[in-house]
Amino acid sequence: MESQTPQTTDIQTPSGFSSDSPGIMTPAKSSPADKPVQDYIQIGTKFISEIYDYIAEFISNNEKVLVNLLLLFLAIISVRVTLAILSAINDIPLLAPMFELVGLGYTGWFVYRYLLKNHLVKI
């Protein structure tokens, strides 16, 4: 008697499983409709891989403008922080009137010393 071994044919199911070896997945065939999608994916990955080069080139071409914008931005932030600090100091009771008195005293001293005294000596 001849030993009969079952012969398996390589039939693929739509899910991509091969019937001759269980558990092995064969690659699914790509349809022509997938070609444009793969092209767009390739363009996107190329752009992402070169984005640092684009950014470096942009910064080197526009270095002065970017530095000026950064300085303007920092100046605006520093003015806002200064105004916030002055507003916080102004909310403390009796501190704002004391600063006003100090300012008036310094202004009077400045006028007396540099404007009136020097003007009277030259006459």
N, C-alpha and C. Protein backbone atom coordinates (compact mmCIF):
# COMPACT_ATOMS: atom_id res chain seq x y z
N MET A 1 0.80 -1.15 0.00
CA MET A 1 0.00 0.00 0.00
C MET A 1 0.86 1.24 0.00
N GLU A 2 0.45 2.12 -0.75
CA GLU A 2 1.18 3.37 -0.85
C GLU A 2 0.77 4.30 0.26
N SER A 3 1.77 4.96 0.80
CA SER A 3 1.39 5.92 1.83
C SER A 3 0.94 7.19 1.14
N GLN A 4 -0.17 7.60 1.55
CA GLN A 4 -0.74 8.78 0.93
C GLN A 4 -0.54 9.97 1.88
N THR A 5 0.16 10.93 1.40
CA THR A 5 0.30 12.16 2.19
C THR A 5 -0.64 13.19 1.59
N PRO A 6 -1.30 13.88 2.43
CA PRO A 6 -2.22 14.88 1.88
C PRO A 6 -1.43 16.01 1.24
N GLN A 7 -1.80 16.30 0.05
CA GLN A 7 -1.15 17.40 -0.65
C GLN A 7 -1.93 18.67 -0.40
N THR A 8 -1.16 19.67 -0.04
CA THR A 8 -1.81 20.96 0.23
C THR A 8 -1.52 21.90 -0.91
N THR A 9 -2.47 22.63 -1.23
CA THR A 9 -2.29 23.65 -2.27
C THR A 9 -2.19 24.99 -1.59
N ASP A 10 -1.46 25.87 -2.20
CA ASP A 10 -1.24 27.19 -1.62
C ASP A 10 -2.42 28.09 -1.98
N ILE A 11 -3.46 27.95 -1.24
CA ILE A 11 -4.66 28.75 -1.46
C ILE A 11 -4.66 29.85 -0.42
N GLN A 12 -4.80 31.06 -0.89
CA GLN A 12 -4.83 32.18 0.04
C GLN A 12 -6.26 32.66 0.21
N THR A 13 -6.56 32.92 1.42
CA THR A 13 -7.87 33.47 1.71
C THR A 13 -7.79 34.99 1.59
N PRO A 14 -8.93 35.64 1.52
CA PRO A 14 -8.89 37.10 1.40
C PRO A 14 -8.22 37.79 2.58
N SER A 15 -8.15 37.14 3.73
CA SER A 15 -7.53 37.78 4.89
C SER A 15 -6.01 37.70 4.85
N GLY A 16 -5.45 36.96 3.91
CA GLY A 16 -4.00 36.88 3.78
C GLY A 16 -3.40 35.68 4.44
N PHE A 17 -4.20 34.77 5.01
CA PHE A 17 -3.67 33.57 5.65
C PHE A 17 -3.41 32.51 4.59
N SER A 18 -2.31 31.81 4.75
CA SER A 18 -1.98 30.73 3.84
C SER A 18 -2.53 29.43 4.42
N SER A 19 -3.10 28.61 3.56
CA SER A 19 -3.70 27.37 4.05
C SER A 19 -2.68 26.25 4.18
N ASP A 20 -1.48 26.39 3.57
CA ASP A 20 -0.52 25.29 3.65
C ASP A 20 0.28 25.30 4.94
N SER A 21 0.57 26.43 5.54
CA SER A 21 1.25 26.46 6.83
C SER A 21 0.44 27.32 7.78
N PRO A 22 -0.09 26.69 8.77
CA PRO A 22 -0.93 27.44 9.69
C PRO A 22 -0.11 28.45 10.49
N GLY A 23 -0.69 29.63 10.68
CA GLY A 23 -0.08 30.66 11.50
C GLY A 23 0.85 31.58 10.75
N ILE A 24 1.13 31.33 9.49
CA ILE A 24 2.01 32.20 8.72
C ILE A 24 1.15 33.11 7.85
N MET A 25 1.45 34.37 7.93
CA MET A 25 0.68 35.34 7.17
C MET A 25 1.46 35.74 5.93
N THR A 26 0.81 35.72 4.82
CA THR A 26 1.46 36.15 3.58
C THR A 26 1.04 37.58 3.30
N PRO A 27 1.90 38.34 2.66
CA PRO A 27 1.55 39.74 2.39
C PRO A 27 0.37 39.84 1.43
N ALA A 28 -0.50 40.76 1.74
CA ALA A 28 -1.65 40.97 0.87
C ALA A 28 -1.19 41.70 -0.38
N LYS A 29 -1.83 41.39 -1.46
CA LYS A 29 -1.48 42.04 -2.71
C LYS A 29 -2.06 43.45 -2.69
N SER A 30 -1.25 44.40 -3.14
CA SER A 30 -1.72 45.78 -3.13
C SER A 30 -2.48 46.06 -4.42
N SER A 31 -3.49 46.82 -4.26
CA SER A 31 -4.31 47.16 -5.42
C SER A 31 -3.76 48.42 -6.06
N PRO A 32 -4.10 48.68 -7.30
CA PRO A 32 -3.62 49.89 -7.97
C PRO A 32 -4.14 51.16 -7.29
N ALA A 33 -5.22 51.06 -6.53
CA ALA A 33 -5.75 52.24 -5.86
C ALA A 33 -4.86 52.67 -4.70
N ASP A 34 -4.03 51.76 -4.17
CA ASP A 34 -3.13 52.09 -3.05
C ASP A 34 -1.90 52.87 -3.50
N LYS A 35 -1.61 52.90 -4.77
CA LYS A 35 -0.40 53.56 -5.28
C LYS A 35 -0.38 55.06 -4.96
N PRO A 36 -1.44 55.84 -5.20
CA PRO A 36 -1.39 57.28 -4.86
C PRO A 36 -1.23 57.50 -3.36
N VAL A 37 -1.84 56.66 -2.56
CA VAL A 37 -1.73 56.80 -1.11
C VAL A 37 -0.28 56.57 -0.69
N GLN A 38 0.36 55.56 -1.26
CA GLN A 38 1.76 55.29 -0.93
C GLN A 38 2.66 56.43 -1.38
N ASP A 39 2.33 57.06 -2.52
CA ASP A 39 3.11 58.21 -2.98
C ASP A 39 3.00 59.36 -2.00
N TYR A 40 1.79 59.62 -1.50
CA TYR A 40 1.60 60.71 -0.54
C TYR A 40 2.29 60.40 0.78
N ILE A 41 2.26 59.16 1.20
CA ILE A 41 2.95 58.78 2.42
C ILE A 41 4.45 58.96 2.26
N GLN A 42 4.98 58.61 1.09
CA GLN A 42 6.41 58.78 0.84
C GLN A 42 6.79 60.26 0.83
N ILE A 43 5.95 61.12 0.24
CA ILE A 43 6.21 62.56 0.24
C ILE A 43 6.19 63.09 1.67
N GLY A 44 5.22 62.63 2.46
CA GLY A 44 5.11 63.09 3.85
C GLY A 44 6.30 62.67 4.69
N THR A 45 6.75 61.44 4.54
CA THR A 45 7.89 60.98 5.33
C THR A 45 9.17 61.68 4.89
N LYS A 46 9.29 61.99 3.62
CA LYS A 46 10.46 62.73 3.14
C LYS A 46 10.47 64.13 3.74
N PHE A 47 9.31 64.78 3.78
CA PHE A 47 9.22 66.12 4.35
C PHE A 47 9.55 66.10 5.84
N ILE A 48 9.03 65.10 6.56
CA ILE A 48 9.28 65.02 8.00
C ILE A 48 10.76 64.75 8.27
N SER A 49 11.39 63.94 7.44
CA SER A 49 12.81 63.65 7.65
C SER A 49 13.69 64.85 7.33
N GLU A 50 13.22 65.77 6.50
CA GLU A 50 14.02 66.94 6.12
C GLU A 50 13.55 68.23 6.80
N ILE A 51 12.64 68.15 7.75
CA ILE A 51 12.08 69.36 8.34
C ILE A 51 13.13 70.14 9.12
N TYR A 52 14.08 69.46 9.76
CA TYR A 52 15.13 70.17 10.50
C TYR A 52 16.02 70.96 9.55
N ASP A 53 16.26 70.42 8.37
CA ASP A 53 17.05 71.16 7.37
C ASP A 53 16.30 72.40 6.91
N TYR A 54 14.98 72.28 6.69
CA TYR A 54 14.18 73.44 6.28
C TYR A 54 14.18 74.52 7.37
N ILE A 55 14.04 74.09 8.62
CA ILE A 55 14.01 75.06 9.73
C ILE A 55 15.37 75.74 9.86
N ALA A 56 16.45 74.99 9.77
CA ALA A 56 17.80 75.57 9.88
C ALA A 56 18.05 76.56 8.74
N GLU A 57 17.61 76.24 7.55
CA GLU A 57 17.79 77.15 6.41
C GLU A 57 16.96 78.41 6.60
N PHE A 58 15.74 78.28 7.09
CA PHE A 58 14.88 79.44 7.33
C PHE A 58 15.48 80.37 8.38
N ILE A 59 16.01 79.78 9.45
CA ILE A 59 16.60 80.59 10.52
C ILE A 59 17.87 81.29 10.03
N SER A 60 18.69 80.59 9.26
CA SER A 60 19.92 81.22 8.78
C SER A 60 19.62 82.33 7.76
N ASN A 61 18.55 82.20 6.99
CA ASN A 61 18.20 83.24 6.02
C ASN A 61 17.56 84.45 6.69
N ASN A 62 16.86 84.28 7.80
CA ASN A 62 16.12 85.36 8.44
C ASN A 62 16.58 85.61 9.86
N GLU A 63 17.87 85.50 10.12
CA GLU A 63 18.38 85.59 11.48
C GLU A 63 18.13 86.96 12.11
N LYS A 64 18.40 88.03 11.37
CA LYS A 64 18.24 89.39 11.94
C LYS A 64 16.78 89.69 12.25
N VAL A 65 15.90 89.30 11.37
CA VAL A 65 14.47 89.55 11.59
C VAL A 65 13.98 88.78 12.80
N LEU A 66 14.40 87.53 12.93
CA LEU A 66 13.97 86.71 14.06
C LEU A 66 14.52 87.24 15.39
N VAL A 67 15.76 87.74 15.38
CA VAL A 67 16.32 88.32 16.60
C VAL A 67 15.55 89.58 16.98
N ASN A 68 15.21 90.41 16.00
CA ASN A 68 14.45 91.63 16.29
C ASN A 68 13.05 91.30 16.82
N LEU A 69 12.42 90.30 16.24
CA LEU A 69 11.10 89.90 16.75
C LEU A 69 11.19 89.35 18.17
N LEU A 70 12.24 88.60 18.44
CA LEU A 70 12.44 88.07 19.79
C LEU A 70 12.66 89.19 20.79
N LEU A 71 13.47 90.19 20.43
CA LEU A 71 13.70 91.32 21.32
C LEU A 71 12.42 92.12 21.55
N LEU A 72 11.63 92.31 20.52
CA LEU A 72 10.36 93.02 20.67
C LEU A 72 9.42 92.24 21.59
N PHE A 73 9.37 90.94 21.40
CA PHE A 73 8.53 90.09 22.24
C PHE A 73 8.98 90.15 23.70
N LEU A 74 10.28 90.10 23.94
CA LEU A 74 10.80 90.17 25.30
C LEU A 74 10.56 91.54 25.92
N ALA A 75 10.64 92.61 25.11
CA ALA A 75 10.36 93.95 25.64
C ALA A 75 8.90 94.08 26.06
N ILE A 76 8.00 93.53 25.27
CA ILE A 76 6.57 93.57 25.61
C ILE A 76 6.32 92.79 26.89
N ILE A 77 6.95 91.64 27.02
CA ILE A 77 6.78 90.83 28.23
C ILE A 77 7.33 91.57 29.45
N SER A 78 8.49 92.22 29.32
CA SER A 78 9.07 92.92 30.46
C SER A 78 8.22 94.11 30.88
N VAL A 79 7.63 94.81 29.93
CA VAL A 79 6.73 95.93 30.27
C VAL A 79 5.50 95.39 31.00
N ARG A 80 4.95 94.30 30.53
CA ARG A 80 3.77 93.73 31.19
C ARG A 80 4.08 93.26 32.61
N VAL A 81 5.25 92.65 32.80
CA VAL A 81 5.64 92.20 34.13
C VAL A 81 5.85 93.39 35.05
N THR A 82 6.49 94.44 34.55
CA THR A 82 6.71 95.65 35.35
C THR A 82 5.40 96.28 35.77
N LEU A 83 4.46 96.37 34.83
CA LEU A 83 3.15 96.94 35.17
C LEU A 83 2.41 96.07 36.18
N ALA A 84 2.55 94.76 36.08
CA ALA A 84 1.91 93.88 37.05
C ALA A 84 2.51 94.06 38.44
N ILE A 85 3.83 94.23 38.51
CA ILE A 85 4.48 94.44 39.81
C ILE A 85 4.05 95.78 40.41
N LEU A 86 3.99 96.82 39.58
CA LEU A 86 3.56 98.13 40.08
C LEU A 86 2.10 98.09 40.53
N SER A 87 1.28 97.35 39.84
CA SER A 87 -0.12 97.22 40.25
C SER A 87 -0.23 96.49 41.58
N ALA A 88 0.61 95.47 41.77
CA ALA A 88 0.60 94.74 43.03
C ALA A 88 1.08 95.62 44.17
N ILE A 89 2.10 96.44 43.93
CA ILE A 89 2.59 97.36 44.97
C ILE A 89 1.54 98.41 45.28
N ASN A 90 0.82 98.87 44.28
CA ASN A 90 -0.20 99.90 44.47
C ASN A 90 -1.36 99.38 45.31
N ASP A 91 -1.57 98.08 45.34
CA ASP A 91 -2.66 97.51 46.13
C ASP A 91 -2.32 97.39 47.61
N ILE A 92 -1.04 97.54 47.98
CA ILE A 92 -0.65 97.45 49.39
C ILE A 92 -1.02 98.78 50.06
N PRO A 93 -1.78 98.74 51.16
CA PRO A 93 -2.20 99.99 51.82
C PRO A 93 -1.00 100.78 52.36
N LEU A 94 -1.07 102.10 52.23
CA LEU A 94 -0.09 103.09 52.70
C LEU A 94 1.25 103.03 51.99
N LEU A 95 1.47 102.07 51.13
CA LEU A 95 2.76 102.00 50.42
C LEU A 95 2.77 102.96 49.24
N ALA A 96 1.68 103.03 48.50
CA ALA A 96 1.61 103.93 47.35
C ALA A 96 1.72 105.40 47.78
N PRO A 97 0.99 105.86 48.83
CA PRO A 97 1.17 107.25 49.25
C PRO A 97 2.59 107.54 49.75
N MET A 98 3.23 106.57 50.38
CA MET A 98 4.60 106.78 50.84
C MET A 98 5.54 106.97 49.64
N PHE A 99 5.35 106.16 48.59
CA PHE A 99 6.16 106.33 47.39
C PHE A 99 5.91 107.68 46.73
N GLU A 100 4.69 108.16 46.77
CA GLU A 100 4.38 109.48 46.22
C GLU A 100 5.10 110.56 47.00
N LEU A 101 5.13 110.46 48.32
CA LEU A 101 5.83 111.45 49.15
C LEU A 101 7.34 111.41 48.88
N VAL A 102 7.90 110.23 48.73
CA VAL A 102 9.33 110.10 48.41
C VAL A 102 9.61 110.74 47.05
N GLY A 103 8.75 110.51 46.09
CA GLY A 103 8.92 111.08 44.76
C GLY A 103 8.81 112.60 44.77
N LEU A 104 7.86 113.14 45.53
CA LEU A 104 7.74 114.60 45.64
C LEU A 104 8.95 115.20 46.35
N GLY A 105 9.43 114.52 47.39
CA GLY A 105 10.62 115.01 48.09
C GLY A 105 11.84 115.00 47.18
N TYR A 106 12.04 113.94 46.40
CA TYR A 106 13.18 113.88 45.50
C TYR A 106 13.06 114.94 44.40
N THR A 107 11.86 115.16 43.90
CA THR A 107 11.66 116.18 42.87
C THR A 107 12.00 117.56 43.43
N GLY A 108 11.54 117.85 44.66
CA GLY A 108 11.86 119.15 45.27
C GLY A 108 13.36 119.31 45.48
N TRP A 109 14.04 118.27 45.96
CA TRP A 109 15.48 118.34 46.15
C TRP A 109 16.20 118.56 44.83
N PHE A 110 15.79 117.85 43.77
CA PHE A 110 16.41 117.99 42.45
C PHE A 110 16.25 119.42 41.92
N VAL A 111 15.03 119.97 42.05
CA VAL A 111 14.78 121.34 41.56
C VAL A 111 15.64 122.32 42.35
N TYR A 112 15.71 122.18 43.66
CA TYR A 112 16.49 123.11 44.48
C TYR A 112 17.98 123.02 44.15
N ARG A 113 18.51 121.79 44.08
CA ARG A 113 19.95 121.61 43.93
C ARG A 113 20.45 121.93 42.53
N TYR A 114 19.76 121.41 41.49
CA TYR A 114 20.29 121.53 40.13
C TYR A 114 19.68 122.67 39.33
N LEU A 115 18.48 123.09 39.66
CA LEU A 115 17.85 124.14 38.85
C LEU A 115 17.94 125.51 39.52
N LEU A 116 17.56 125.61 40.78
CA LEU A 116 17.55 126.91 41.45
C LEU A 116 18.94 127.32 41.92
N LYS A 117 19.65 126.44 42.59
CA LYS A 117 20.95 126.79 43.16
C LYS A 117 21.98 127.11 42.08
N ASN A 118 22.07 126.28 41.05
CA ASN A 118 23.03 126.53 39.98
C ASN A 118 22.64 127.76 39.17
N HIS A 119 21.37 128.01 39.03
CA HIS A 119 20.92 129.17 38.26
C HIS A 119 21.24 130.46 39.02
N LEU A 120 21.09 130.46 40.34
CA LEU A 120 21.37 131.64 41.13
C LEU A 120 22.86 131.94 41.21
N VAL A 121 23.70 130.94 41.19
CA VAL A 121 25.14 131.15 41.26
C VAL A 121 25.64 131.79 39.99
N LYS A 122 25.09 131.45 38.84
CA LYS A 122 25.57 131.99 37.56
C LYS A 122 25.16 133.44 37.37
N ILE A 123 24.21 133.93 38.12
CA ILE A 123 23.76 135.30 37.92
C ILE A 123 24.72 136.26 38.48
